[in-house]
Protein backbone atom coordinates (compact mmCIF):
# COMPACT_ATOMS: atom_id res chain seq x y z
CA MET A 1 112.75 108.51 100.14
CA SER A 2 111.07 105.48 98.64
CA LEU A 3 107.34 105.28 97.76
CA ASP A 4 106.85 102.67 100.58
CA ASN A 5 108.35 105.11 103.14
CA GLN A 6 106.25 108.10 101.78
CA LEU A 7 103.13 105.91 102.12
CA GLU A 8 104.05 104.85 105.65
CA GLU A 9 104.79 108.37 106.61
CA ALA A 10 101.51 109.61 105.12
CA LEU A 11 99.59 106.85 106.95
CA MET A 12 101.22 107.84 110.25
CA LYS A 13 100.33 111.45 109.82
CA SER A 14 96.74 110.61 109.04
CA LYS A 15 96.55 108.33 112.05
CA THR A 16 97.83 111.14 114.33
CA GLN A 17 95.30 113.57 112.91
CA MET A 18 92.38 111.14 113.50
CA ARG A 19 93.61 110.54 117.07
CA ARG A 20 93.75 114.21 117.79
CA GLY A 21 90.19 114.65 116.42
CA VAL A 22 88.77 112.08 118.94
CA LEU A 23 91.08 112.87 121.92
CA GLU A 24 88.65 115.52 123.37
CA MET A 25 85.75 113.00 123.39
CA CYS A 26 87.95 110.20 124.96
CA VAL A 27 89.20 112.51 127.75
CA LEU A 28 85.68 113.80 128.47
CA SER A 29 84.56 110.21 128.50
CA ILE A 30 87.17 109.17 130.98
CA ILE A 31 86.39 112.10 133.27
CA SER A 32 82.68 111.33 133.09
CA GLU A 33 83.24 107.92 134.72
CA GLU A 34 84.86 109.54 137.74
CA GLU A 35 86.67 112.55 138.79
CA SER A 36 90.16 112.32 137.36
CA TYR A 37 93.67 113.46 137.94
CA PRO A 38 95.60 114.16 134.74
CA SER A 39 98.20 111.36 135.16
CA ASP A 40 95.32 108.92 135.68
CA ILE A 41 93.78 110.20 132.40
CA ILE A 42 97.00 109.55 130.64
CA THR A 43 97.25 106.06 132.06
CA LYS A 44 93.70 105.19 130.91
CA LEU A 45 94.43 106.52 127.44
CA LYS A 46 97.58 104.46 127.16
CA GLU A 47 95.59 101.36 128.20
CA VAL A 48 93.54 101.77 124.95
CA GLN A 49 96.59 102.67 122.74
CA LEU A 50 95.97 106.37 122.75
CA ILE A 51 99.41 107.72 123.82
CA VAL A 52 99.14 111.31 124.96
CA LYS A 53 101.83 113.41 126.55
CA GLU A 54 101.21 115.93 129.41
CA GLY A 55 102.17 118.69 127.04
CA THR A 56 99.14 117.77 124.97
CA LEU A 57 96.73 116.93 127.81
CA TYR A 58 97.13 120.01 130.11
CA PRO A 59 96.30 122.63 127.43
CA LEU A 60 93.23 120.50 126.46
CA LEU A 61 92.04 120.31 130.04
CA SER A 62 92.49 124.11 130.41
CA ARG A 63 90.61 124.81 127.28
CA LEU A 64 87.71 122.46 128.27
CA LYS A 65 87.58 124.20 131.65
CA LYS A 66 87.63 127.63 130.06
CA ASP A 67 84.74 126.46 127.87
CA GLY A 68 82.68 125.43 130.96
CA LEU A 69 82.85 121.72 130.21
CA LEU A 70 85.03 120.86 133.23
CA GLN A 71 85.54 122.03 136.76
CA TYR A 72 88.06 120.86 139.26
CA SER A 73 88.63 120.51 142.93
CA TRP A 74 91.85 120.20 145.04
CA LYS A 75 92.42 116.97 146.99
CA GLU A 76 95.13 116.22 149.44
CA SER A 77 97.74 113.74 148.29
CA THR A 78 99.65 111.33 150.43
CA GLN A 79 102.49 111.80 147.95
CA GLY A 80 103.18 115.55 147.85
CA PRO A 81 101.07 118.74 147.32
CA PRO A 82 97.33 118.71 146.76
CA ARG A 83 96.20 117.42 143.39
CA LYS A 84 93.73 118.93 140.94
CA TYR A 85 91.00 116.45 140.05
CA PHE A 86 88.63 117.19 137.17
CA GLN A 87 84.91 116.58 136.81
CA LEU A 88 82.38 117.34 134.02
CA THR A 89 79.97 120.15 134.59
CA ASN A 90 76.38 119.72 133.45
CA THR A 91 77.25 121.46 130.34
CA GLY A 92 80.11 119.01 129.84
CA VAL A 93 77.85 116.01 130.23
CA ALA A 94 75.45 117.38 127.53
CA PHE A 95 78.40 118.24 125.30
CA LEU A 96 79.94 114.78 125.65
CA GLN A 97 76.43 113.21 124.79
CA GLY A 98 76.36 115.42 121.66
CA LEU A 99 79.93 114.34 120.74
CA LYS A 100 78.88 110.67 121.13
CA GLU A 101 75.95 111.20 118.87
CA ASN A 102 78.08 112.91 116.30
CA TRP A 103 80.72 110.22 116.52
CA ASP A 104 78.14 107.44 116.06
CA GLU A 105 76.73 109.12 112.97
CA LEU A 106 80.29 109.67 111.47
CA VAL A 107 81.25 106.06 112.14
CA SER A 108 78.01 104.86 110.49
CA SER A 109 78.56 107.12 107.51
CA VAL A 110 82.26 105.98 107.08
CA ASN A 111 81.30 102.39 107.44
CA GLN A 112 78.70 102.75 104.80
CA SER A 113 80.95 104.66 102.36
CA THR A 114 83.84 102.10 102.83
CA LYS A 115 81.88 98.80 103.00
CA LYS A 116 83.20 97.72 99.59
CA ILE A 117 86.77 98.13 100.40
CA THR A 118 88.40 94.68 100.79
CA LYS A 119 91.44 93.81 102.79
């Protein structure tokens, strides 16, 4: 494998890890706007270039529910069986606010530490 290919592969792995790190905050943010069905969450993530598969989203939603950050309700669907729609709990709202504050601090720190890097 050439050095360019190794660099490209390393950059892709790094990008994937960064995206995983912010996925939880993005999912909670989407749900905070309105109760959400999982396929709608995936669509909204795709719109902002965060490609997520159901195999990634469903375990995350289950964990967030187990942690008390989400709740769900069943709603009738015109296209099949009832659907599970997720909403943030009060704890979830507070947690999302904390994540956002942590994110803003991190972005500021990264911007400060990388401000001398030129393109």
